[in-house]
Structures are given as C-alpha cells and as structure tokens.
Amino acid sequence: MSSQAQAADSADSQAKTALWVASDAKNGKEDEVAKFMIGGKAVVLDEPGTSNWFAVRLSKSRFAIFDTFPSESERDAHLSGKVAAALMAKAPDMLQHPPSIQKIDVLAAKLPDTK
C-alpha cells in the first residue's frame, strides 16, 4: 500500500462517524451564541475521542457544530460530555428551539497528516 493510501486510511479511521448540530439564535442572542461556540473548543480539546471539531456560523443567527469521531462509542461519549450538557442547559435562553442533532457517517475524509 502506498504512503498516500495509508495516510488516507488513517484519516478515514479518525473520522468514521460525525455529528451535525444546527441551531438558531434568538433575536439579540447571536453574539452570545457565537461566544459560547468559540468557548466550546477549550472543552473538546480534552476529549481524546473527538478527532475534529468545527464551530461555524451559517448566517447572522444560524450556527452549527460539525465534529468527527473514530467510532460510535466516542461519538456517544461526546454527546454525554460537557459541551453537550452546557449547550442543552443554555439552549432555552439562547436558542429559538432545541438544537437539531444529527448523527451522520463519514464516507471519506481528508485530514491533516499527523506525522
């Protein structure tokens, strides 16, 4: 197997499952949601099972988190972790409705070389 193929297999093994978590900020709460999302990075850095984590702003009031995991067990651990708990606790104050949480499978990935 070529080194490129081995790197691709390694990247794919780090990102087999994922989450897409979309939410809409309440009017006037957009900056608060953005700060909350940015602050989530510090928490997920301590989660060894979270391979990749992205907090994104889709529009003025629409936000999402996309994160990847090597397996369903790491994904489930993340869903039971600190970021998810904090999001659900703050959701009634910050969000128009509970966040939409979709469990998804990653078909292919290109991740940075970890060598």
PDB file of N, CA and C in Angstrom:
ATOM      1  N   MET A   1       0.842  -1.170   0.000  1.00  0.00           N
ATOM      2  CA  MET A   1       0.000   0.000   0.000  1.00  0.00           C
ATOM      3  C   MET A   1       0.891   1.240   0.000  1.00  0.00           C
ATOM      4  N   SER A   2       0.553   2.215  -0.849  1.00  0.00           N
ATOM      5  CA  SER A   2       1.355   3.436  -0.931  1.00  0.00           C
ATOM      6  C   SER A   2       1.193   4.258   0.342  1.00  0.00           C
ATOM      7  N   SER A   3       2.146   5.165   0.568  1.00  0.00           N
ATOM      8  CA  SER A   3       2.061   6.010   1.761  1.00  0.00           C
ATOM      9  C   SER A   3       0.843   6.925   1.688  1.00  0.00           C
ATOM     10  N   GLN A   4       0.451   7.335   0.491  1.00  0.00           N
ATOM     11  CA  GLN A   4      -0.759   8.157   0.353  1.00  0.00           C
ATOM     12  C   GLN A   4      -1.995   7.355   0.743  1.00  0.00           C
ATOM     13  N   ALA A   5      -2.056   6.096   0.329  1.00  0.00           N
ATOM     14  CA  ALA A   5      -3.203   5.251   0.671  1.00  0.00           C
ATOM     15  C   ALA A   5      -3.234   4.986   2.169  1.00  0.00           C
ATOM     16  N   GLN A   6      -2.056   4.781   2.783  1.00  0.00           N
ATOM     17  CA  GLN A   6      -2.003   4.559   4.224  1.00  0.00           C
ATOM     18  C   GLN A   6      -2.456   5.806   4.980  1.00  0.00           C
ATOM     19  N   ALA A   7      -2.047   6.975   4.514  1.00  0.00           N
ATOM     20  CA  ALA A   7      -2.464   8.224   5.147  1.00  0.00           C
ATOM     21  C   ALA A   7      -3.971   8.402   5.024  1.00  0.00           C
ATOM     22  N   ALA A   8      -4.529   8.061   3.860  1.00  0.00           N
ATOM     23  CA  ALA A   8      -5.980   8.167   3.668  1.00  0.00           C
ATOM     24  C   ALA A   8      -6.715   7.209   4.592  1.00  0.00           C
ATOM     25  N   ASP A   9      -6.201   5.966   4.735  1.00  0.00           N
ATOM     26  CA  ASP A   9      -6.834   5.009   5.642  1.00  0.00           C
ATOM     27  C   ASP A   9      -6.781   5.510   7.080  1.00  0.00           C
ATOM     28  N   SER A  10      -5.652   6.110   7.479  1.00  0.00           N
ATOM     29  CA  SER A  10      -5.515   6.645   8.824  1.00  0.00           C
ATOM     30  C   SER A  10      -6.495   7.782   9.050  1.00  0.00           C
ATOM     31  N   ALA A  11      -6.619   8.683   8.061  1.00  0.00           N
ATOM     32  CA  ALA A  11      -7.561   9.799   8.184  1.00  0.00           C
ATOM     33  C   ALA A  11      -8.978   9.269   8.292  1.00  0.00           C
ATOM     34  N   ASP A  12      -9.336   8.308   7.460  1.00  0.00           N
ATOM     35  CA  ASP A  12     -10.680   7.752   7.499  1.00  0.00           C
ATOM     36  C   ASP A  12     -10.960   7.077   8.833  1.00  0.00           C
ATOM     37  N   SER A  13      -9.957   6.443   9.450  1.00  0.00           N
ATOM     38  CA  SER A  13     -10.188   5.762  10.724  1.00  0.00           C
ATOM     39  C   SER A  13     -10.414   6.770  11.864  1.00  0.00           C
ATOM     40  N   GLN A  14      -9.928   7.991  11.706  1.00  0.00           N
ATOM     41  CA  GLN A  14     -10.143   9.032  12.707  1.00  0.00           C
ATOM     42  C   GLN A  14     -11.517   9.679  12.571  1.00  0.00           C
ATOM     43  N   ALA A  15     -12.162   9.480  11.443  1.00  0.00           N
ATOM     44  CA  ALA A  15     -13.406  10.202  11.153  1.00  0.00           C
ATOM     45  C   ALA A  15     -14.449   9.286  10.531  1.00  0.00           C
ATOM     46  N   LYS A  16     -14.825   8.240  11.245  1.00  0.00           N
ATOM     47  CA  LYS A  16     -15.822   7.311  10.720  1.00  0.00           C
ATOM     48  C   LYS A  16     -17.250   7.765  10.990  1.00  0.00           C
ATOM     49  N   THR A  17     -17.471   8.402  12.120  1.00  0.00           N
ATOM     50  CA  THR A  17     -18.799   8.899  12.472  1.00  0.00           C
ATOM     51  C   THR A  17     -18.699  10.384  12.770  1.00  0.00           C
ATOM     52  N   ALA A  18     -19.845  11.060  12.767  1.00  0.00           N
ATOM     53  CA  ALA A  18     -19.822  12.510  12.967  1.00  0.00           C
ATOM     54  C   ALA A  18     -21.148  12.985  13.541  1.00  0.00           C
ATOM     55  N   LEU A  19     -21.137  14.242  13.892  1.00  0.00           N
ATOM     56  CA  LEU A  19     -22.353  14.930  14.322  1.00  0.00           C
ATOM     57  C   LEU A  19     -22.479  16.232  13.548  1.00  0.00           C
ATOM     58  N   TRP A  20     -23.712  16.566  13.193  1.00  0.00           N
ATOM     59  CA  TRP A  20     -24.036  17.881  12.650  1.00  0.00           C
ATOM     60  C   TRP A  20     -25.089  18.446  13.595  1.00  0.00           C
ATOM     61  N   VAL A  21     -24.738  19.505  14.305  1.00  0.00           N
ATOM     62  CA  VAL A  21     -25.622  20.100  15.301  1.00  0.00           C
ATOM     63  C   VAL A  21     -25.915  21.534  14.859  1.00  0.00           C
ATOM     64  N   ALA A  22     -27.139  21.772  14.421  1.00  0.00           N
ATOM     65  CA  ALA A  22     -27.527  23.090  13.925  1.00  0.00           C
ATOM     66  C   ALA A  22     -28.456  23.765  14.928  1.00  0.00           C
ATOM     67  N   SER A  23     -28.323  25.087  15.024  1.00  0.00           N
ATOM     68  CA  SER A  23     -29.164  25.833  15.961  1.00  0.00           C
ATOM     69  C   SER A  23     -29.369  27.249  15.449  1.00  0.00           C
ATOM     70  N   ASP A  24     -30.467  27.851  15.899  1.00  0.00           N
ATOM     71  CA  ASP A  24     -30.803  29.225  15.544  1.00  0.00           C
ATOM     72  C   ASP A  24     -30.856  30.062  16.814  1.00  0.00           C
ATOM     73  N   ALA A  25     -30.068  31.125  16.828  1.00  0.00           N
ATOM     74  CA  ALA A  25     -30.037  32.011  17.987  1.00  0.00           C
ATOM     75  C   ALA A  25     -31.322  32.820  18.067  1.00  0.00           C
ATOM     76  N   LYS A  26     -31.738  33.088  19.295  1.00  0.00           N
ATOM     77  CA  LYS A  26     -32.844  34.012  19.499  1.00  0.00           C
ATOM     78  C   LYS A  26     -32.392  35.397  19.065  1.00  0.00           C
ATOM     79  N   ASN A  27     -33.346  36.219  18.663  1.00  0.00           N
ATOM     80  CA  ASN A  27     -33.046  37.582  18.275  1.00  0.00           C
ATOM     81  C   ASN A  27     -32.326  38.294  19.420  1.00  0.00           C
ATOM     82  N   GLY A  28     -31.188  38.889  19.117  1.00  0.00           N
ATOM     83  CA  GLY A  28     -30.392  39.588  20.120  1.00  0.00           C
ATOM     84  C   GLY A  28     -29.403  38.707  20.865  1.00  0.00           C
ATOM     85  N   LYS A  29     -29.442  37.395  20.644  1.00  0.00           N
ATOM     86  CA  LYS A  29     -28.545  36.461  21.339  1.00  0.00           C
ATOM     87  C   LYS A  29     -27.429  35.934  20.432  1.00  0.00           C
ATOM     88  N   GLU A  30     -27.328  36.477  19.230  1.00  0.00           N
ATOM     89  CA  GLU A  30     -26.357  35.966  18.259  1.00  0.00           C
ATOM     90  C   GLU A  30     -24.918  36.021  18.775  1.00  0.00           C
ATOM     91  N   ASP A  31     -24.524  37.140  19.367  1.00  0.00           N
ATOM     92  CA  ASP A  31     -23.152  37.265  19.883  1.00  0.00           C
ATOM     93  C   ASP A  31     -22.907  36.301  21.039  1.00  0.00           C
ATOM     94  N   GLU A  32     -23.911  36.103  21.876  1.00  0.00           N
ATOM     95  CA  GLU A  32     -23.784  35.169  22.996  1.00  0.00           C
ATOM     96  C   GLU A  32     -23.590  33.738  22.494  1.00  0.00           C
ATOM     97  N   VAL A  33     -24.342  33.373  21.460  1.00  0.00           N
ATOM     98  CA  VAL A  33     -24.188  32.033  20.884  1.00  0.00           C
ATOM     99  C   VAL A  33     -22.799  31.890  20.264  1.00  0.00           C
ATOM    100  N   ALA A  34     -22.352  32.909  19.540  1.00  0.00           N
ATOM    101  CA  ALA A  34     -21.016  32.849  18.929  1.00  0.00           C
ATOM    102  C   ALA A  34     -19.933  32.673  19.989  1.00  0.00           C
ATOM    103  N   LYS A  35     -20.012  33.417  21.071  1.00  0.00           N
ATOM    104  CA  LYS A  35     -19.017  33.289  22.148  1.00  0.00           C
ATOM    105  C   LYS A  35     -19.077  31.902  22.785  1.00  0.00           C
ATOM    106  N   PHE A  36     -20.289  31.388  22.968  1.00  0.00           N
ATOM    107  CA  PHE A  36     -20.441  30.039  23.523  1.00  0.00           C
ATOM    108  C   PHE A  36     -19.771  29.009  22.616  1.00  0.00           C
ATOM    109  N   MET A  37     -19.998  29.133  21.316  1.00  0.00           N
ATOM    110  CA  MET A  37     -19.416  28.185  20.362  1.00  0.00           C
ATOM    111  C   MET A  37     -17.883  28.259  20.391  1.00  0.00           C
ATOM    112  N   ILE A  38     -17.350  29.453  20.405  1.00  0.00           N
ATOM    113  CA  ILE A  38     -15.892  29.619  20.452  1.00  0.00           C
ATOM    114  C   ILE A  38     -15.335  29.008  21.737  1.00  0.00           C
ATOM    115  N   GLY A  39     -16.023  29.214  22.844  1.00  0.00           N
ATOM    116  CA  GLY A  39     -15.580  28.664  24.129  1.00  0.00           C
ATOM    117  C   GLY A  39     -15.627  27.148  24.188  1.00  0.00           C
ATOM    118  N   GLY A  40     -16.450  26.527  23.354  1.00  0.00           N
ATOM    119  CA  GLY A  40     -16.540  25.065  23.328  1.00  0.00           C
ATOM    120  C   GLY A  40     -15.243  24.397  22.913  1.00  0.00           C
ATOM    121  N   LYS A  41     -14.423  25.085  22.155  1.00  0.00           N
ATOM    122  CA  LYS A  41     -13.158  24.498  21.696  1.00  0.00           C
ATOM    123  C   LYS A  41     -12.282  24.047  22.860  1.00  0.00           C
ATOM    124  N   ALA A  42     -12.182  24.850  23.887  1.00  0.00           N
ATOM    125  CA  ALA A  42     -11.332  24.518  25.041  1.00  0.00           C
ATOM    126  C   ALA A  42     -11.787  23.221  25.701  1.00  0.00           C
ATOM    127  N   VAL A  43     -13.087  22.981  25.697  1.00  0.00           N
ATOM    128  CA  VAL A  43     -13.612  21.767  26.332  1.00  0.00           C
ATOM    129  C   VAL A  43     -13.316  20.539  25.472  1.00  0.00           C
ATOM    130  N   VAL A  44     -13.541  20.633  24.173  1.00  0.00           N
ATOM    131  CA  VAL A  44     -13.335  19.446  23.331  1.00  0.00           C
ATOM    132  C   VAL A  44     -11.860  19.101  23.156  1.00  0.00           C
ATOM    133  N   LEU A  45     -10.976  20.038  23.430  1.00  0.00           N
ATOM    134  CA  LEU A  45      -9.542  19.711  23.378  1.00  0.00           C
ATOM    135  C   LEU A  45      -9.189  18.604  24.370  1.00  0.00           C
ATOM    136  N   ASP A  46      -9.970  18.492  25.438  1.00  0.00           N
ATOM    137  CA  ASP A  46      -9.739  17.462  26.459  1.00  0.00           C
ATOM    138  C   ASP A  46     -10.473  16.156  26.166  1.00  0.00           C
ATOM    139  N   GLU A  47     -11.124  16.058  25.031  1.00  0.00           N
ATOM    140  CA  GLU A  47     -11.837  14.831  24.652  1.00  0.00           C
ATOM    141  C   GLU A  47     -10.996  14.034  23.660  1.00  0.00           C
ATOM    142  N   PRO A  48     -10.316  12.999  24.115  1.00  0.00           N
ATOM    143  CA  PRO A  48      -9.451  12.253  23.206  1.00  0.00           C
ATOM    144  C   PRO A  48     -10.212  11.562  22.076  1.00  0.00           C
ATOM    145  N   GLY A  49     -11.481  11.294  22.253  1.00  0.00           N
ATOM    146  CA  GLY A  49     -12.258  10.612  21.223  1.00  0.00           C
ATOM    147  C   GLY A  49     -12.832  11.518  20.158  1.00  0.00           C
ATOM    148  N   THR A  50     -12.685  12.842  20.330  1.00  0.00           N
ATOM    149  CA  THR A  50     -13.155  13.782  19.313  1.00  0.00           C
ATOM    150  C   THR A  50     -11.989  14.085  18.386  1.00  0.00           C
ATOM    151  N   SER A  51     -12.071  13.576  17.156  1.00  0.00           N
ATOM    152  CA  SER A  51     -10.966  13.735  16.200  1.00  0.00           C
ATOM    153  C   SER A  51     -10.884  15.149  15.648  1.00  0.00           C
ATOM    154  N   ASN A  52     -12.029  15.680  15.237  1.00  0.00           N
ATOM    155  CA  ASN A  52     -12.096  17.008  14.631  1.00  0.00           C
ATOM    156  C   ASN A  52     -13.343  17.701  15.145  1.00  0.00           C
ATOM    157  N   TRP A  53     -13.255  19.005  15.322  1.00  0.00           N
ATOM    158  CA  TRP A  53     -14.393  19.762  15.837  1.00  0.00           C
ATOM    159  C   TRP A  53     -14.393  21.129  15.178  1.00  0.00           C
ATOM    160  N   PHE A  54     -15.531  21.506  14.620  1.00  0.00           N
ATOM    161  CA  PHE A  54     -15.670  22.789  13.949  1.00  0.00           C
ATOM    162  C   PHE A  54     -16.941  23.472  14.439  1.00  0.00           C
ATOM    163  N   ALA A  55     -16.832  24.700  14.881  1.00  0.00           N
ATOM    164  CA  ALA A  55     -17.991  25.528  15.188  1.00  0.00           C
ATOM    165  C   ALA A  55     -18.081  26.547  14.059  1.00  0.00           C
ATOM    166  N   VAL A  56     -19.246  26.637  13.410  1.00  0.00           N
ATOM    167  CA  VAL A  56     -19.386  27.506  12.242  1.00  0.00           C
ATOM    168  C   VAL A  56     -20.622  28.390  12.366  1.00  0.00           C
ATOM    169  N   ARG A  57     -20.536  29.514  11.708  1.00  0.00           N
ATOM    170  CA  ARG A  57     -21.672  30.432  11.624  1.00  0.00           C
ATOM    171  C   ARG A  57     -22.167  30.363  10.188  1.00  0.00           C
ATOM    172  N   LEU A  58     -23.431  29.995  10.032  1.00  0.00           N
ATOM    173  CA  LEU A  58     -24.005  29.831   8.698  1.00  0.00           C
ATOM    174  C   LEU A  58     -24.682  31.105   8.201  1.00  0.00           C
ATOM    175  N   SER A  59     -25.151  31.916   9.112  1.00  0.00           N
ATOM    176  CA  SER A  59     -25.758  33.212   8.803  1.00  0.00           C
ATOM    177  C   SER A  59     -25.706  34.045  10.078  1.00  0.00           C
ATOM    178  N   LYS A  60     -26.354  35.207  10.083  1.00  0.00           N
ATOM    179  CA  LYS A  60     -26.309  36.056  11.276  1.00  0.00           C
ATOM    180  C   LYS A  60     -26.771  35.309  12.520  1.00  0.00           C
ATOM    181  N   SER A  61     -27.815  34.476  12.377  1.00  0.00           N
ATOM    182  CA  SER A  61     -28.398  33.828  13.558  1.00  0.00           C
ATOM    183  C   SER A  61     -28.342  32.303  13.531  1.00  0.00           C
ATOM    184  N   ARG A  62     -27.815  31.704  12.480  1.00  0.00           N
ATOM    185  CA  ARG A  62     -27.774  30.240  12.364  1.00  0.00           C
ATOM    186  C   ARG A  62     -26.338  29.759  12.563  1.00  0.00           C
ATOM    187  N   PHE A  63     -26.191  28.777  13.449  1.00  0.00           N
ATOM    188  CA  PHE A  63     -24.885  28.231  13.814  1.00  0.00           C
ATOM    189  C   PHE A  63     -24.906  26.712  13.682  1.00  0.00           C
ATOM    190  N   ALA A  64     -23.717  26.121  13.607  1.00  0.00           N
ATOM    191  CA  ALA A  64     -23.637  24.660  13.573  1.00  0.00           C
ATOM    192  C   ALA A  64     -22.304  24.210  14.140  1.00  0.00           C
ATOM    193  N   ILE A  65     -22.313  22.974  14.605  1.00  0.00           N
ATOM    194  CA  ILE A  65     -21.083  22.294  15.025  1.00  0.00           C
ATOM    195  C   ILE A  65     -20.998  21.029  14.187  1.00  0.00           C
ATOM    196  N   PHE A  66     -19.815  20.800  13.621  1.00  0.00           N
ATOM    197  CA  PHE A  66     -19.535  19.558  12.907  1.00  0.00           C
ATOM    198  C   PHE A  66     -18.337  18.939  13.583  1.00  0.00           C
ATOM    199  N   ASP A  67     -18.473  17.709  14.059  1.00  0.00           N
ATOM    200  CA  ASP A  67     -17.342  17.031  14.675  1.00  0.00           C
ATOM    201  C   ASP A  67     -17.313  15.577  14.247  1.00  0.00           C
ATOM    202  N   THR A  68     -16.098  15.012  14.271  1.00  0.00           N
ATOM    203  CA  THR A  68     -15.905  13.634  13.817  1.00  0.00           C
ATOM    204  C   THR A  68     -15.279  12.797  14.920  1.00  0.00           C
ATOM    205  N   PHE A  69     -15.510  11.482  14.790  1.00  0.00           N
ATOM    206  CA  PHE A  69     -15.081  10.526  15.806  1.00  0.00           C
ATOM    207  C   PHE A  69     -14.658   9.220  15.143  1.00  0.00           C
ATOM    208  N   PRO A  70     -13.736   8.477  15.761  1.00  0.00           N
ATOM    209  CA  PRO A  70     -13.314   7.187  15.203  1.00  0.00           C
ATOM    210  C   PRO A  70     -14.416   6.127  15.255  1.00  0.00           C
ATOM    211  N   SER A  71     -15.352   6.255  16.203  1.00  0.00           N
ATOM    212  CA  SER A  71     -16.390   5.222  16.335  1.00  0.00           C
ATOM    213  C   SER A  71     -17.629   5.805  16.999  1.00  0.00           C
ATOM    214  N   GLU A  72     -18.675   5.026  17.002  1.00  0.00           N
ATOM    215  CA  GLU A  72     -19.918   5.439  17.651  1.00  0.00           C
ATOM    216  C   GLU A  72     -19.739   5.628  19.155  1.00  0.00           C
ATOM    217  N   SER A  73     -18.881   4.817  19.780  1.00  0.00           N
ATOM    218  CA  SER A  73     -18.715   4.947  21.235  1.00  0.00           C
ATOM    219  C   SER A  73     -18.098   6.299  21.591  1.00  0.00           C
ATOM    220  N   GLU A  74     -17.145   6.792  20.804  1.00  0.00           N
ATOM    221  CA  GLU A  74     -16.571   8.124  21.065  1.00  0.00           C
ATOM    222  C   GLU A  74     -17.606   9.214  20.799  1.00  0.00           C
ATOM    223  N   ARG A  75     -18.410   9.010  19.747  1.00  0.00           N
ATOM    224  CA  ARG A  75     -19.464   9.979  19.450  1.00  0.00           C
ATOM    225  C   ARG A  75     -20.467  10.039  20.604  1.00  0.00           C
ATOM    226  N   ASP A  76     -20.874   8.867  21.102  1.00  0.00           N
ATOM    227  CA  ASP A  76     -21.819   8.824  22.217  1.00  0.00           C
ATOM    228  C   ASP A  76     -21.227   9.450  23.476  1.00  0.00           C
ATOM    229  N   ALA A  77     -19.929   9.237  23.699  1.00  0.00           N
ATOM    230  CA  ALA A  77     -19.266   9.847  24.860  1.00  0.00           C
ATOM    231  C   ALA A  77     -19.290  11.373  24.738  1.00  0.00           C
ATOM    232  N   HIS A  78     -19.067  11.870  23.543  1.00  0.00           N
ATOM    233  CA  HIS A  78     -19.106  13.317  23.322  1.00  0.00           C
ATOM    234  C   HIS A  78     -20.506  13.863  23.603  1.00  0.00           C
ATOM    235  N   LEU A  79     -21.526  13.142  23.152  1.00  0.00           N
ATOM    236  CA  LEU A  79     -22.907  13.570  23.378  1.00  0.00           C
ATOM    237  C   LEU A  79     -23.260  13.579  24.868  1.00  0.00           C
ATOM    238  N   SER A  80     -22.527  12.816  25.654  1.00  0.00           N
ATOM    239  CA  SER A  80     -22.747  12.785  27.104  1.00  0.00           C
ATOM    240  C   SER A  80     -21.778  13.698  27.841  1.00  0.00           C
ATOM    241  N   GLY A  81     -20.985  14.449  27.091  1.00  0.00           N
ATOM    242  CA  GLY A  81     -19.920  15.256  27.692  1.00  0.00           C
ATOM    243  C   GLY A  81     -20.322  16.669  28.065  1.00  0.00           C
ATOM    244  N   LYS A  82     -19.311  17.463  28.393  1.00  0.00           N
ATOM    245  CA  LYS A  82     -19.502  18.803  28.936  1.00  0.00           C
ATOM    246  C   LYS A  82     -20.088  19.800  27.930  1.00  0.00           C
ATOM    247  N   VAL A  83     -19.641  19.752  26.676  1.00  0.00           N
ATOM    248  CA  VAL A  83     -20.146  20.707  25.690  1.00  0.00           C
ATOM    249  C   VAL A  83     -21.635  20.474  25.447  1.00  0.00           C
ATOM    250  N   ALA A  84     -22.012  19.212  25.263  1.00  0.00           N
ATOM    251  CA  ALA A  84     -23.424  18.900  25.024  1.00  0.00           C
ATOM    252  C   ALA A  84     -24.276  19.312  26.218  1.00  0.00           C
ATOM    253  N   ALA A  85     -23.805  19.041  27.419  1.00  0.00           N
ATOM    254  CA  ALA A  85     -24.562  19.408  28.619  1.00  0.00           C
ATOM    255  C   ALA A  85     -24.714  20.927  28.727  1.00  0.00           C
ATOM    256  N   ALA A  86     -23.640  21.652  28.452  1.00  0.00           N
ATOM    257  CA  ALA A  86     -23.701  23.111  28.520  1.00  0.00           C
ATOM    258  C   ALA A  86     -24.636  23.670  27.449  1.00  0.00           C
ATOM    259  N   LEU A  87     -24.581  23.106  26.252  1.00  0.00           N
ATOM    260  CA  LEU A  87     -25.455  23.558  25.173  1.00  0.00           C
ATOM    261  C   LEU A  87     -26.917  23.349  25.543  1.00  0.00           C
ATOM    262  N   MET A  88     -27.248  22.185  26.061  1.00  0.00           N
ATOM    263  CA  MET A  88     -28.634  21.905  26.416  1.00  0.00           C
ATOM    264  C   MET A  88     -29.094  22.782  27.584  1.00  0.00           C
ATOM    265  N   ALA A  89     -28.189  23.098  28.504  1.00  0.00           N
ATOM    266  CA  ALA A  89     -28.552  23.958  29.633  1.00  0.00           C
ATOM    267  C   ALA A  89     -28.811  25.394  29.186  1.00  0.00           C
ATOM    268  N   LYS A  90     -28.038  25.878  28.225  1.00  0.00           N
ATOM    269  CA  LYS A  90     -28.167  27.258  27.764  1.00  0.00           C
ATOM    270  C   LYS A  90     -29.175  27.418  26.630  1.00  0.00           C
ATOM    271  N   ALA A  91     -29.565  26.326  26.002  1.00  0.00           N
ATOM    272  CA  ALA A  91     -30.449  26.386  24.837  1.00  0.00           C
ATOM    273  C   ALA A  91     -31.722  27.193  25.074  1.00  0.00           C
ATOM    274  N   PRO A  92     -32.451  26.989  26.174  1.00  0.00           N
ATOM    275  CA  PRO A  92     -33.699  27.739  26.352  1.00  0.00           C
ATOM    276  C   PRO A  92     -33.501  29.262  26.363  1.00  0.00           C
ATOM    277  N   ASP A  93     -32.360  29.718  26.863  1.00  0.00           N
ATOM    278  CA  ASP A  93     -32.093  31.152  26.935  1.00  0.00           C
ATOM    279  C   ASP A  93     -31.559  31.708  25.617  1.00  0.00           C
ATOM    280  N   MET A  94     -30.727  30.945  24.909  1.00  0.00           N
ATOM    281  CA  MET A  94     -30.024  31.455  23.734  1.00  0.00           C
ATOM    282  C   MET A  94     -30.667  31.091  22.403  1.00  0.00           C
ATOM    283  N   LEU A  95     -31.332  29.943  22.328  1.00  0.00           N
ATOM    284  CA  LEU A  95     -31.777  29.411  21.038  1.00  0.00           C
ATOM    285  C   LEU A  95     -33.290  29.496  20.852  1.00  0.00           C
ATOM    286  N   GLN A  96     -33.696  29.635  19.590  1.00  0.00           N
ATOM    287  CA  GLN A  96     -35.114  29.695  19.262  1.00  0.00           C
ATOM    288  C   GLN A  96     -35.828  28.386  19.576  1.00  0.00           C
ATOM    289  N   HIS A  97     -35.104  27.274  19.450  1.00  0.00           N
ATOM    290  CA  HIS A  97     -35.637  25.933  19.695  1.00  0.00           C
ATOM    291  C   HIS A  97     -34.467  25.024  20.013  1.00  0.00           C
ATOM    292  N   PRO A  98     -34.703  23.837  20.560  1.00  0.00           N
ATOM    293  CA  PRO A  98     -33.579  22.937  20.859  1.00  0.00           C
ATOM    294  C   PRO A  98     -32.740  22.683  19.594  1.00  0.00           C
ATOM    295  N   PRO A  99     -31.440  22.506  19.765  1.00  0.00           N
ATOM    296  CA  PRO A  99     -30.590  22.259  18.589  1.00  0.00           C
ATOM    297  C   PRO A  99     -30.983  20.961  17.891  1.00  0.00           C
ATOM    298  N   SER A 100     -30.824  20.962  16.583  1.00  0.00           N
ATOM    299  CA  SER A 100     -31.055  19.763  15.777  1.00  0.00           C
ATOM    300  C   SER A 100     -29.756  18.957  15.770  1.00  0.00           C
ATOM    301  N   ILE A 101     -29.799  17.758  16.318  1.00  0.00           N
ATOM    302  CA  ILE A 101     -28.598  16.922  16.423  1.00  0.00           C
ATOM    303  C   ILE A 101     -28.758  15.733  15.488  1.00  0.00           C
ATOM    304  N   GLN A 102     -27.893  15.656  14.482  1.00  0.00           N
ATOM    305  CA  GLN A 102     -27.935  14.565  13.517  1.00  0.00           C
ATOM    306  C   GLN A 102     -26.675  13.729  13.625  1.00  0.00           C
ATOM    307  N   LYS A 103     -26.848  12.442  13.839  1.00  0.00           N
ATOM    308  CA  LYS A 103     -25.729  11.503  13.798  1.00  0.00           C
ATOM    309  C   LYS A 103     -25.531  11.126  12.337  1.00  0.00           C
ATOM    310  N   ILE A 104     -24.302  11.308  11.853  1.00  0.00           N
ATOM    311  CA  ILE A 104     -24.015  11.032  10.455  1.00  0.00           C
ATOM    312  C   ILE A 104     -22.773  10.162  10.329  1.00  0.00           C
ATOM    313  N   ASP A 105     -22.653   9.496   9.196  1.00  0.00           N
ATOM    314  CA  ASP A 105     -21.487   8.667   8.899  1.00  0.00           C
ATOM    315  C   ASP A 105     -20.617   9.396   7.885  1.00  0.00           C
ATOM    316  N   VAL A 106     -19.329   9.354   8.086  1.00  0.00           N
ATOM    317  CA  VAL A 106     -18.377   9.966   7.168  1.00  0.00           C
ATOM    318  C   VAL A 106     -18.004   8.927   6.118  1.00  0.00           C
ATOM    319  N   LEU A 107     -18.195   9.266   4.863  1.00  0.00           N
ATOM    320  CA  LEU A 107     -17.870   8.344   3.775  1.00  0.00           C
ATOM    321  C   LEU A 107     -16.408   8.440   3.365  1.00  0.00           C
ATOM    322  N   ALA A 108     -15.849   9.632   3.411  1.00  0.00           N
ATOM    323  CA  ALA A 108     -14.442   9.843   3.073  1.00  0.00           C
ATOM    324  C   ALA A 108     -13.991  11.135   3.733  1.00  0.00           C
ATOM    325  N   ALA A 109     -12.699  11.234   4.021  1.00  0.00           N
ATOM    326  CA  ALA A 109     -12.170  12.421   4.686  1.00  0.00           C
ATOM    327  C   ALA A 109     -10.751  12.690   4.235  1.00  0.00           C
ATOM    328  N   LYS A 110     -10.391  13.967   4.205  1.00  0.00           N
ATOM    329  CA  LYS A 110      -9.003  14.386   4.014  1.00  0.00           C
ATOM    330  C   LYS A 110      -8.657  15.209   5.236  1.00  0.00           C
ATOM    331  N   LEU A 111      -7.814  14.656   6.065  1.00  0.00           N
ATOM    332  CA  LEU A 111      -7.397  15.317   7.299  1.00  0.00           C
ATOM    333  C   LEU A 111      -5.913  15.634   7.217  1.00  0.00           C
ATOM    334  N   PRO A 112      -5.443  16.575   8.027  1.00  0.00           N
ATOM    335  CA  PRO A 112      -4.016  16.882   8.023  1.00  0.00           C
ATOM    336  C   PRO A 112      -3.187  15.643   8.369  1.00  0.00           C
ATOM    337  N   ASP A 113      -2.015  15.565   7.792  1.00  0.00           N
ATOM    338  CA  ASP A 113      -1.088  14.481   8.096  1.00  0.00           C
ATOM    339  C   ASP A 113      -0.640  14.647   9.538  1.00  0.00           C
ATOM    340  N   THR A 114      -0.773  13.585  10.320  1.00  0.00           N
ATOM    341  CA  THR A 114      -0.454  13.667  11.751  1.00  0.00           C
ATOM    342  C   THR A 114       0.977  13.234  12.051  1.00  0.00           C
ATOM    343  N   LYS A 115       1.786  13.046  11.055  1.00  0.00           N
ATOM    344  CA  LYS A 115       3.177  12.614  11.272  1.00  0.00           C
ATOM    345  C   LYS A 115       4.021  13.719  11.815  1.00  0.00           C
TER     346      LYS A 115
END
